[in-house]
Amino acid sequence: MLAQKANRLGINTILQLGDFGIWHDARSYLDTLEKIAKRAELTIYFIGGNHEDYDEIARWKFGPDRDGFVSMLPHVRWIPRGHRWTWTGIRFGALGGAFSVDWHYRTPGIDWWPGVEEVRHEDVERLGDAWLDELVTHDAPEGAQPALGHWDFMPGDEERARVSQRRLREAVNATHPKLVLHGHWHVRNQRTIEEPNG
């Protein structure tokens, strides 16, 4: 298991990039993760994906801690969109969320949360424009999204997905991170994003 391997390597932090698994009545899931993380002497941090029950997250959210993270449980912490922090001198920022291109297989409020799953303008504003070393996102910024020739998009869905991707690119252009880490597409992806105007 990942937590045990991290413990053997002396790693005390796991950073997960969305679709973490917060669903209805997440208590038993989070309790299990808490036990695993505590035993492995590490803390799991996660950003929201597009497949999270944001109503459930809101039920757990008692407001950010003094460091801006939200402790779901002592060893399981959610990173709100637009949050910035520093670990070992490295400046991080987070922008979770994406459009669910598989929405037509899902039911609103059951396994799809339209309106809250996507990256919003206010999330990018909250992140601000101070420089970052690393930006962690769920979707890929525009210009860095993977090749998805295998994906059968419904009409209009590619454009809907690009809304969040454009907002992420705005954040990249504003904060100039050296590295952007993302999840979402279930394929390995590595791209170089050129800075605007050279």
Protein backbone atom coordinates (compact mmCIF):
# COMPACT_ATOMS: atom_id res chain seq x y z
CA MET A 1 0.00 0.00 0.00
CA LEU A 2 1.15 3.55 -0.79
CA ALA A 3 1.00 4.77 2.82
CA GLN A 4 3.21 1.91 4.06
CA LYS A 5 5.72 2.48 1.26
CA ALA A 6 5.78 6.22 2.07
CA ASN A 7 6.46 5.39 5.72
CA ARG A 8 9.35 3.08 4.78
CA LEU A 9 10.84 5.88 2.65
CA GLY A 10 10.47 8.46 5.44
CA ILE A 11 7.78 10.40 3.55
CA ASN A 12 5.26 12.11 5.81
CA THR A 13 3.01 13.84 3.25
CA ILE A 14 0.86 12.59 0.37
CA LEU A 15 -0.62 15.17 -2.01
CA GLN A 16 -3.56 13.78 -4.01
CA LEU A 17 -4.78 15.59 -7.15
CA GLY A 18 -8.56 15.18 -7.02
CA ASP A 19 -11.30 12.59 -7.43
CA PHE A 20 -10.30 11.65 -3.91
CA GLY A 21 -13.46 9.66 -3.24
CA ILE A 22 -15.61 11.95 -1.12
CA TRP A 23 -19.13 10.65 -1.69
CA HIS A 24 -22.37 10.54 0.28
CA ASP A 25 -21.81 9.68 3.92
CA ALA A 26 -18.03 9.67 3.62
CA ARG A 27 -17.51 8.99 7.33
CA SER A 28 -16.40 5.35 7.10
CA TYR A 29 -14.13 6.08 4.12
CA LEU A 30 -12.47 9.00 5.89
CA ASP A 31 -12.19 7.04 9.15
CA THR A 32 -10.38 4.26 7.27
CA LEU A 33 -8.00 6.75 5.62
CA GLU A 34 -7.38 8.41 8.98
CA LYS A 35 -6.37 5.08 10.55
CA ILE A 36 -4.07 4.24 7.63
CA ALA A 37 -2.43 7.69 7.63
CA LYS A 38 -2.01 7.76 11.40
CA ARG A 39 -0.43 4.29 11.41
CA ALA A 40 1.95 5.35 8.61
CA GLU A 41 2.76 8.64 10.41
CA LEU A 42 1.76 10.79 7.46
CA THR A 43 -0.85 13.35 6.44
CA ILE A 44 -2.90 13.09 3.25
CA TYR A 45 -3.71 16.39 1.54
CA PHE A 46 -6.17 16.44 -1.37
CA ILE A 47 -7.69 18.88 -3.82
CA GLY A 48 -11.21 18.45 -5.16
CA GLY A 49 -11.79 16.75 -8.48
CA ASN A 50 -14.89 16.76 -10.60
CA HIS A 51 -16.10 13.49 -9.06
CA GLU A 52 -16.45 14.65 -5.46
CA ASP A 53 -19.65 15.20 -3.51
CA TYR A 54 -19.17 18.88 -2.77
CA ASP A 55 -22.29 18.86 -0.57
CA GLU A 56 -20.57 16.23 1.58
CA ILE A 57 -17.34 18.26 1.70
CA ALA A 58 -19.38 21.29 2.81
CA ARG A 59 -20.89 19.22 5.65
CA TRP A 60 -17.38 18.43 6.89
CA LYS A 61 -15.96 21.88 6.33
CA PHE A 62 -15.81 23.80 9.57
CA GLY A 63 -13.71 26.52 7.99
CA PRO A 64 -10.02 26.50 7.23
CA ASP A 65 -7.48 25.93 9.95
CA ARG A 66 -4.99 28.68 10.71
CA ASP A 67 -2.76 27.40 7.90
CA GLY A 68 -5.63 27.56 5.36
CA PHE A 69 -6.15 23.80 4.96
CA VAL A 70 -9.40 22.16 6.10
CA SER A 71 -8.94 19.22 8.47
CA MET A 72 -11.53 16.60 7.58
CA LEU A 73 -9.77 14.50 10.24
CA PRO A 74 -6.36 15.07 11.84
CA HIS A 75 -4.42 13.20 9.11
CA VAL A 76 -6.75 13.91 6.16
CA ARG A 77 -6.87 17.52 4.97
CA TRP A 78 -8.67 19.21 2.08
CA ILE A 79 -6.96 22.02 0.14
CA PRO A 80 -9.53 24.68 -0.89
CA ARG A 81 -9.37 26.17 -4.37
CA GLY A 82 -7.09 29.16 -4.56
CA HIS A 83 -5.15 28.23 -1.41
CA ARG A 84 -1.41 28.98 -1.26
CA TRP A 85 1.13 27.54 1.12
CA THR A 86 4.86 26.84 1.49
CA TRP A 87 6.46 23.48 2.22
CA THR A 88 10.25 23.36 2.74
CA GLY A 89 10.66 26.69 0.97
CA ILE A 90 8.59 25.65 -2.09
CA ARG A 91 5.61 27.89 -2.88
CA PHE A 92 2.48 25.89 -3.78
CA GLY A 93 -0.96 26.88 -5.02
CA ALA A 94 -4.05 24.73 -5.61
CA LEU A 95 -6.94 24.88 -8.08
CA GLY A 96 -9.04 21.73 -7.96
CA GLY A 97 -12.07 21.01 -10.14
CA ALA A 98 -12.90 20.18 -13.76
CA PHE A 99 -15.88 19.59 -16.04
CA SER A 100 -17.23 16.02 -16.05
CA VAL A 101 -17.08 14.91 -19.68
CA ASP A 102 -18.90 11.75 -18.63
CA TRP A 103 -21.85 13.71 -17.19
CA HIS A 104 -24.34 11.91 -19.45
CA TYR A 105 -23.69 8.69 -17.48
CA ARG A 106 -24.30 10.44 -14.16
CA THR A 107 -27.16 11.81 -12.03
CA PRO A 108 -27.04 15.37 -10.64
CA GLY A 109 -26.67 15.40 -6.86
CA ILE A 110 -25.95 11.66 -6.75
CA ASP A 111 -22.67 11.26 -8.65
CA TRP A 112 -22.40 14.57 -10.52
CA TRP A 113 -22.28 18.08 -9.06
CA PRO A 114 -22.77 20.56 -11.90
CA GLY A 115 -22.17 24.17 -11.02
CA VAL A 116 -19.57 23.45 -8.33
CA GLU A 117 -17.27 20.92 -9.98
CA GLU A 118 -15.63 23.33 -12.44
CA VAL A 119 -12.88 25.87 -11.84
CA ARG A 120 -14.52 29.26 -11.33
CA HIS A 121 -13.27 32.77 -12.00
CA GLU A 122 -13.33 33.55 -8.27
CA ASP A 123 -11.07 30.54 -7.60
CA VAL A 124 -8.43 32.00 -9.94
CA GLU A 125 -8.82 35.42 -8.32
CA ARG A 126 -8.39 33.88 -4.86
CA LEU A 127 -5.13 32.27 -6.01
CA GLY A 128 -3.85 35.69 -7.02
CA ASP A 129 -0.84 36.58 -9.13
CA ALA A 130 2.14 36.19 -6.81
CA TRP A 131 4.67 33.77 -8.27
CA LEU A 132 4.48 30.06 -7.42
CA ASP A 133 6.96 27.24 -7.69
CA GLU A 134 4.29 24.55 -8.13
CA LEU A 135 0.60 24.68 -9.01
CA VAL A 136 -1.49 21.57 -8.29
CA THR A 137 -4.69 21.18 -10.29
CA HIS A 138 -7.18 18.48 -11.18
CA ASP A 139 -7.63 19.36 -14.87
CA ALA A 140 -4.77 20.34 -17.18
CA PRO A 141 -4.35 23.99 -18.17
CA GLU A 142 -5.21 24.97 -21.73
CA GLY A 143 -2.28 24.14 -23.99
CA ALA A 144 -1.18 21.28 -21.75
CA GLN A 145 -4.16 18.94 -21.93
CA PRO A 146 -3.32 15.42 -23.07
CA ALA A 147 -4.17 14.02 -26.49
CA LEU A 148 -7.57 12.40 -26.11
CA GLY A 149 -8.23 10.79 -29.48
CA HIS A 150 -9.69 7.77 -27.67
CA TRP A 151 -12.34 9.84 -25.88
CA ASP A 152 -15.85 9.94 -27.36
CA PHE A 153 -17.00 13.47 -26.46
CA MET A 154 -20.67 14.44 -26.60
CA PRO A 155 -21.33 17.49 -28.83
CA GLY A 156 -20.21 20.64 -27.04
CA ASP A 157 -18.40 18.85 -24.23
CA GLU A 158 -14.88 19.67 -25.42
CA GLU A 159 -15.77 23.35 -25.33
CA ARG A 160 -17.35 23.01 -21.89
CA ALA A 161 -14.18 21.31 -20.64
CA ARG A 162 -12.06 24.13 -22.04
CA VAL A 163 -13.70 26.69 -19.74
CA SER A 164 -11.90 25.28 -16.69
CA GLN A 165 -8.76 24.67 -18.74
CA ARG A 166 -8.70 28.34 -19.84
CA ARG A 167 -9.09 29.47 -16.24
CA LEU A 168 -6.22 27.24 -15.22
CA ARG A 169 -4.10 28.72 -18.00
CA GLU A 170 -4.95 32.20 -16.70
CA ALA A 171 -3.65 31.08 -13.30
CA VAL A 172 -0.47 29.68 -14.88
CA ASN A 173 0.09 32.91 -16.81
CA ALA A 174 -0.41 34.96 -13.64
CA THR A 175 1.67 32.86 -11.21
CA HIS A 176 4.48 31.51 -13.48
CA PRO A 177 4.90 28.12 -11.77
CA LYS A 178 7.90 26.03 -12.73
CA LEU A 179 5.78 22.89 -12.46
CA VAL A 180 2.05 22.15 -12.81
CA LEU A 181 0.83 18.77 -11.57
CA HIS A 182 -2.63 17.56 -12.61
CA GLY A 183 -4.84 14.47 -12.61
CA HIS A 184 -8.27 14.02 -14.25
CA TRP A 185 -7.61 12.45 -17.65
CA HIS A 186 -6.35 8.98 -16.63
CA VAL A 187 -3.41 9.14 -19.05
CA ARG A 188 0.24 10.05 -18.56
CA ASN A 189 0.82 13.60 -19.71
CA GLN A 190 3.89 15.81 -19.95
CA ARG A 191 3.90 19.14 -21.75
CA THR A 192 5.89 22.35 -21.77
CA ILE A 193 3.78 25.51 -21.53
CA GLU A 194 5.32 28.53 -23.18
CA GLU A 195 5.11 31.80 -21.29
CA PRO A 196 3.02 34.48 -23.02
CA ASN A 197 5.17 36.93 -25.01
CA GLY A 198 8.20 34.70 -24.87
